[in-house]
Amino acid sequence: MTRTRSPLRAALSAAVLAPVVAVSFAALHSSPAHAQAVIITPSAPPPPRVEPPPPPRAGYAWDPGHWRWDRGRYVWAPGHWRPVRAGYRWVPGHWVQRGPNWRWVEGHWA
């Protein structure tokens, strides 16, 4: 005899387990080095500054400069080198428009 779960019981089980799974996932995939605040601004960033990259540097990826949000205004953060992670490519941080606001997507290895 197979036992079926009622929709109510299935929903209750999911409601009880979802926070545990979410907390466990967050604990596994976060660390102080990777903890990022969500940054949402009310206006578009200024156009990027022209910042030619320096000559290639063995073992490092160039992370171009960008506008960061600081105390209610945009401030330029100059480009810098990041140590390479073997088998990955660097995806620079960038601003994405969400409705009337702008959200910062942190640079990451992909």
N, C-alpha and C. Protein backbone atom coordinates (compact mmCIF):
# COMPACT_ATOMS: atom_id res chain seq x y z
N MET A 1 0.84 -1.16 0.00
CA MET A 1 0.00 0.00 0.00
C MET A 1 0.90 1.24 0.00
N THR A 2 0.68 2.12 -0.96
CA THR A 2 1.46 3.35 -1.00
C THR A 2 0.76 4.42 -0.18
N ARG A 3 1.55 5.20 0.43
CA ARG A 3 1.02 6.22 1.29
C ARG A 3 1.16 7.58 0.59
N THR A 4 0.09 8.31 0.47
CA THR A 4 0.17 9.63 -0.15
C THR A 4 0.04 10.69 0.93
N ARG A 5 0.68 11.81 0.68
CA ARG A 5 0.63 12.90 1.63
C ARG A 5 -0.44 13.89 1.20
N SER A 6 -1.18 14.36 2.14
CA SER A 6 -2.20 15.35 1.82
C SER A 6 -1.51 16.65 1.43
N PRO A 7 -2.17 17.47 0.61
CA PRO A 7 -1.58 18.76 0.23
C PRO A 7 -1.26 19.63 1.44
N LEU A 8 -2.11 19.59 2.45
CA LEU A 8 -1.87 20.39 3.66
C LEU A 8 -0.61 19.93 4.38
N ARG A 9 -0.45 18.60 4.50
CA ARG A 9 0.73 18.06 5.17
C ARG A 9 2.00 18.39 4.38
N ALA A 10 1.93 18.29 3.07
CA ALA A 10 3.08 18.62 2.23
C ALA A 10 3.46 20.10 2.39
N ALA A 11 2.45 20.97 2.42
CA ALA A 11 2.71 22.40 2.57
C ALA A 11 3.32 22.71 3.93
N LEU A 12 2.82 22.06 4.97
CA LEU A 12 3.37 22.28 6.31
C LEU A 12 4.82 21.79 6.39
N SER A 13 5.09 20.64 5.80
CA SER A 13 6.46 20.12 5.79
C SER A 13 7.40 21.10 5.08
N ALA A 14 6.94 21.61 3.93
CA ALA A 14 7.77 22.56 3.18
C ALA A 14 8.00 23.83 3.98
N ALA A 15 6.95 24.31 4.66
CA ALA A 15 7.07 25.53 5.45
C ALA A 15 8.06 25.36 6.61
N VAL A 16 8.09 24.17 7.18
CA VAL A 16 9.00 23.90 8.30
C VAL A 16 10.43 23.74 7.81
N LEU A 17 10.61 23.07 6.68
CA LEU A 17 11.96 22.79 6.18
C LEU A 17 12.59 23.94 5.42
N ALA A 18 11.80 24.79 4.78
CA ALA A 18 12.36 25.86 3.95
C ALA A 18 13.33 26.76 4.70
N PRO A 19 13.00 27.26 5.90
CA PRO A 19 13.97 28.11 6.61
C PRO A 19 15.25 27.37 6.96
N VAL A 20 15.14 26.09 7.28
CA VAL A 20 16.33 25.30 7.62
C VAL A 20 17.23 25.17 6.40
N VAL A 21 16.63 24.87 5.25
CA VAL A 21 17.40 24.73 4.02
C VAL A 21 18.03 26.08 3.65
N ALA A 22 17.27 27.17 3.74
CA ALA A 22 17.79 28.49 3.39
C ALA A 22 18.95 28.87 4.30
N VAL A 23 18.82 28.65 5.60
CA VAL A 23 19.89 28.98 6.54
C VAL A 23 21.10 28.12 6.27
N SER A 24 20.89 26.82 6.02
CA SER A 24 22.01 25.92 5.75
C SER A 24 22.73 26.33 4.47
N PHE A 25 21.97 26.67 3.43
CA PHE A 25 22.57 27.08 2.17
C PHE A 25 23.39 28.35 2.38
N ALA A 26 22.82 29.31 3.11
CA ALA A 26 23.53 30.56 3.36
C ALA A 26 24.80 30.31 4.17
N ALA A 27 24.73 29.42 5.14
CA ALA A 27 25.90 29.13 5.97
C ALA A 27 27.00 28.47 5.14
N LEU A 28 26.59 27.60 4.22
CA LEU A 28 27.58 26.91 3.40
C LEU A 28 28.23 27.82 2.37
N HIS A 29 27.47 28.78 1.86
CA HIS A 29 27.95 29.58 0.74
C HIS A 29 28.29 31.01 1.11
N SER A 30 28.46 31.27 2.37
CA SER A 30 28.87 32.62 2.75
C SER A 30 30.03 32.53 3.72
N SER A 31 30.80 33.55 3.71
CA SER A 31 31.90 33.68 4.65
C SER A 31 32.14 35.17 4.81
N PRO A 32 32.86 35.57 5.84
CA PRO A 32 33.12 37.00 6.00
C PRO A 32 33.76 37.61 4.76
N ALA A 33 34.59 36.86 4.05
CA ALA A 33 35.23 37.39 2.85
C ALA A 33 34.24 37.58 1.71
N HIS A 34 33.15 36.82 1.70
CA HIS A 34 32.19 36.89 0.62
C HIS A 34 30.89 37.58 1.03
N ALA A 35 30.77 38.02 2.25
CA ALA A 35 29.55 38.68 2.70
C ALA A 35 29.44 40.04 2.00
N GLN A 36 28.33 40.26 1.31
CA GLN A 36 28.13 41.49 0.58
C GLN A 36 26.80 42.11 0.97
N ALA A 37 26.81 43.39 1.19
CA ALA A 37 25.57 44.11 1.45
C ALA A 37 24.88 44.36 0.11
N VAL A 38 23.57 44.36 0.11
CA VAL A 38 22.83 44.69 -1.09
C VAL A 38 22.80 46.21 -1.19
N ILE A 39 23.23 46.73 -2.33
CA ILE A 39 23.29 48.18 -2.51
C ILE A 39 22.29 48.56 -3.59
N ILE A 40 21.32 49.39 -3.22
CA ILE A 40 20.30 49.86 -4.15
C ILE A 40 20.30 51.38 -4.07
N THR A 41 20.39 52.03 -5.23
CA THR A 41 20.45 53.49 -5.28
C THR A 41 19.25 54.03 -6.05
N PRO A 42 18.89 55.29 -5.81
CA PRO A 42 17.74 55.88 -6.47
C PRO A 42 18.04 56.50 -7.83
N SER A 43 19.31 56.54 -8.23
CA SER A 43 19.65 57.17 -9.51
C SER A 43 20.74 56.38 -10.22
N ALA A 44 20.80 56.58 -11.53
CA ALA A 44 21.80 55.88 -12.34
C ALA A 44 23.20 56.37 -12.00
N PRO A 45 24.20 55.48 -12.10
CA PRO A 45 25.58 55.93 -11.89
C PRO A 45 26.02 56.81 -13.07
N PRO A 46 27.01 57.67 -12.85
CA PRO A 46 27.56 58.45 -13.97
C PRO A 46 28.20 57.50 -14.99
N PRO A 47 28.46 58.00 -16.20
CA PRO A 47 29.17 57.15 -17.17
C PRO A 47 30.53 56.73 -16.61
N PRO A 48 30.99 55.52 -16.96
CA PRO A 48 32.31 55.09 -16.45
C PRO A 48 33.42 56.03 -16.92
N ARG A 49 34.41 56.18 -16.09
CA ARG A 49 35.58 56.98 -16.47
C ARG A 49 36.43 56.16 -17.43
N VAL A 50 37.14 56.87 -18.29
CA VAL A 50 38.08 56.20 -19.19
C VAL A 50 39.31 55.88 -18.36
N GLU A 51 39.57 54.60 -18.19
CA GLU A 51 40.68 54.15 -17.36
C GLU A 51 41.37 53.00 -18.10
N PRO A 52 42.37 53.32 -18.93
CA PRO A 52 43.02 52.24 -19.68
C PRO A 52 43.68 51.24 -18.74
N PRO A 53 43.49 49.95 -19.02
CA PRO A 53 44.11 48.94 -18.14
C PRO A 53 45.63 48.96 -18.29
N PRO A 54 46.32 48.64 -17.21
CA PRO A 54 47.78 48.55 -17.30
C PRO A 54 48.18 47.30 -18.10
N PRO A 55 49.47 47.17 -18.40
CA PRO A 55 49.92 45.96 -19.12
C PRO A 55 49.56 44.70 -18.32
N PRO A 56 49.34 43.59 -19.02
CA PRO A 56 48.99 42.34 -18.33
C PRO A 56 50.00 41.98 -17.24
N ARG A 57 49.50 41.34 -16.21
CA ARG A 57 50.34 40.92 -15.08
C ARG A 57 50.08 39.43 -14.85
N ALA A 58 51.11 38.63 -14.95
CA ALA A 58 50.97 37.18 -14.82
C ALA A 58 50.35 36.80 -13.48
N GLY A 59 49.33 35.94 -13.54
CA GLY A 59 48.70 35.45 -12.32
C GLY A 59 47.63 36.36 -11.74
N TYR A 60 47.30 37.46 -12.47
CA TYR A 60 46.31 38.41 -11.98
C TYR A 60 45.32 38.79 -13.07
N ALA A 61 44.11 39.13 -12.67
CA ALA A 61 43.08 39.63 -13.59
C ALA A 61 42.81 41.09 -13.22
N TRP A 62 42.62 41.93 -14.24
CA TRP A 62 42.35 43.33 -14.00
C TRP A 62 40.86 43.53 -13.71
N ASP A 63 40.56 44.17 -12.60
CA ASP A 63 39.19 44.52 -12.23
C ASP A 63 39.05 46.01 -12.50
N PRO A 64 38.31 46.40 -13.56
CA PRO A 64 38.25 47.82 -13.92
C PRO A 64 37.57 48.68 -12.85
N GLY A 65 37.87 49.96 -12.90
CA GLY A 65 37.25 50.89 -11.97
C GLY A 65 35.75 50.98 -12.18
N HIS A 66 35.06 51.45 -11.16
CA HIS A 66 33.60 51.57 -11.23
C HIS A 66 33.12 52.62 -10.22
N TRP A 67 31.88 53.04 -10.40
CA TRP A 67 31.27 53.96 -9.44
C TRP A 67 30.70 53.14 -8.31
N ARG A 68 31.01 53.52 -7.07
CA ARG A 68 30.41 52.86 -5.91
C ARG A 68 29.56 53.89 -5.17
N TRP A 69 28.57 53.39 -4.45
CA TRP A 69 27.67 54.25 -3.70
C TRP A 69 28.23 54.43 -2.29
N ASP A 70 28.43 55.68 -1.89
CA ASP A 70 29.01 55.95 -0.57
C ASP A 70 28.32 57.17 0.04
N ARG A 71 27.59 56.95 1.12
CA ARG A 71 26.94 58.03 1.87
C ARG A 71 26.08 58.93 1.00
N GLY A 72 25.25 58.30 0.17
CA GLY A 72 24.29 59.06 -0.62
C GLY A 72 24.80 59.66 -1.91
N ARG A 73 26.00 59.22 -2.35
CA ARG A 73 26.52 59.73 -3.62
C ARG A 73 27.46 58.70 -4.25
N TYR A 74 27.68 58.86 -5.54
CA TYR A 74 28.60 57.97 -6.26
C TYR A 74 30.04 58.47 -6.09
N VAL A 75 30.94 57.54 -5.86
CA VAL A 75 32.37 57.83 -5.71
C VAL A 75 33.12 56.86 -6.61
N TRP A 76 34.12 57.34 -7.33
CA TRP A 76 34.88 56.47 -8.24
C TRP A 76 35.84 55.57 -7.45
N ALA A 77 35.80 54.28 -7.77
CA ALA A 77 36.73 53.31 -7.19
C ALA A 77 37.66 52.88 -8.33
N PRO A 78 38.93 53.20 -8.27
CA PRO A 78 39.84 52.86 -9.38
C PRO A 78 40.02 51.36 -9.54
N GLY A 79 40.42 50.97 -10.75
CA GLY A 79 40.66 49.56 -11.04
C GLY A 79 41.82 49.01 -10.22
N HIS A 80 41.87 47.69 -10.12
CA HIS A 80 42.95 47.05 -9.36
C HIS A 80 43.09 45.60 -9.82
N TRP A 81 44.18 44.99 -9.43
CA TRP A 81 44.46 43.59 -9.79
C TRP A 81 43.84 42.64 -8.79
N ARG A 82 43.38 41.50 -9.29
CA ARG A 82 42.86 40.41 -8.44
C ARG A 82 43.64 39.15 -8.79
N PRO A 83 44.04 38.38 -7.78
CA PRO A 83 44.72 37.11 -8.08
C PRO A 83 43.79 36.19 -8.87
N VAL A 84 44.34 35.55 -9.88
CA VAL A 84 43.56 34.65 -10.74
C VAL A 84 43.15 33.39 -9.99
N ARG A 85 41.95 32.91 -10.27
CA ARG A 85 41.50 31.60 -9.78
C ARG A 85 41.53 30.67 -10.99
N ALA A 86 42.35 29.65 -10.92
CA ALA A 86 42.54 28.73 -12.05
C ALA A 86 41.20 28.16 -12.49
N GLY A 87 40.95 28.20 -13.80
CA GLY A 87 39.73 27.63 -14.36
C GLY A 87 38.54 28.57 -14.35
N TYR A 88 38.73 29.81 -13.90
CA TYR A 88 37.63 30.77 -13.83
C TYR A 88 38.00 32.03 -14.60
N ARG A 89 37.00 32.84 -14.91
CA ARG A 89 37.24 34.15 -15.51
C ARG A 89 36.57 35.20 -14.62
N TRP A 90 37.16 36.38 -14.56
CA TRP A 90 36.64 37.44 -13.72
C TRP A 90 35.49 38.16 -14.43
N VAL A 91 34.36 38.31 -13.75
CA VAL A 91 33.22 39.07 -14.25
C VAL A 91 33.18 40.35 -13.40
N PRO A 92 33.48 41.51 -13.99
CA PRO A 92 33.51 42.75 -13.22
C PRO A 92 32.15 43.10 -12.62
N GLY A 93 32.17 43.79 -11.50
CA GLY A 93 30.94 44.28 -10.90
C GLY A 93 30.28 45.28 -11.84
N HIS A 94 28.98 45.41 -11.72
CA HIS A 94 28.25 46.33 -12.60
C HIS A 94 26.91 46.72 -11.98
N TRP A 95 26.37 47.84 -12.45
CA TRP A 95 25.07 48.34 -11.99
C TRP A 95 23.98 47.82 -12.92
N VAL A 96 22.84 47.42 -12.33
CA VAL A 96 21.70 46.92 -13.08
C VAL A 96 20.47 47.73 -12.66
N GLN A 97 19.70 48.18 -13.63
CA GLN A 97 18.50 48.93 -13.30
C GLN A 97 17.36 47.98 -12.96
N ARG A 98 16.67 48.24 -11.85
CA ARG A 98 15.50 47.49 -11.40
C ARG A 98 14.39 48.49 -11.17
N GLY A 99 13.51 48.64 -12.13
CA GLY A 99 12.47 49.66 -12.01
C GLY A 99 13.12 51.03 -11.95
N PRO A 100 12.74 51.86 -10.98
CA PRO A 100 13.33 53.20 -10.90
C PRO A 100 14.68 53.22 -10.17
N ASN A 101 15.08 52.10 -9.60
CA ASN A 101 16.32 52.04 -8.81
C ASN A 101 17.43 51.31 -9.54
N TRP A 102 18.64 51.41 -8.99
CA TRP A 102 19.82 50.74 -9.53
C TRP A 102 20.41 49.87 -8.45
N ARG A 103 20.84 48.67 -8.82
CA ARG A 103 21.39 47.71 -7.87
C ARG A 103 22.80 47.31 -8.32
N TRP A 104 23.71 47.26 -7.35
CA TRP A 104 25.10 46.86 -7.62
C TRP A 104 25.21 45.34 -7.59
N VAL A 105 25.79 44.77 -8.66
CA VAL A 105 26.08 43.34 -8.72
C VAL A 105 27.59 43.21 -8.55
N GLU A 106 27.99 42.60 -7.45
CA GLU A 106 29.40 42.48 -7.10
C GLU A 106 30.16 41.67 -8.16
N GLY A 107 31.41 42.05 -8.44
CA GLY A 107 32.26 41.26 -9.33
C GLY A 107 32.47 39.86 -8.74
N HIS A 108 32.68 38.88 -9.63
CA HIS A 108 32.81 37.50 -9.16
C HIS A 108 33.54 36.64 -10.19
N TRP A 109 34.00 35.51 -9.74
CA TRP A 109 34.63 34.53 -10.63
C TRP A 109 33.57 33.59 -11.18
N ALA A 110 33.59 33.36 -12.48
CA ALA A 110 32.62 32.46 -13.12
C ALA A 110 33.35 31.40 -13.91
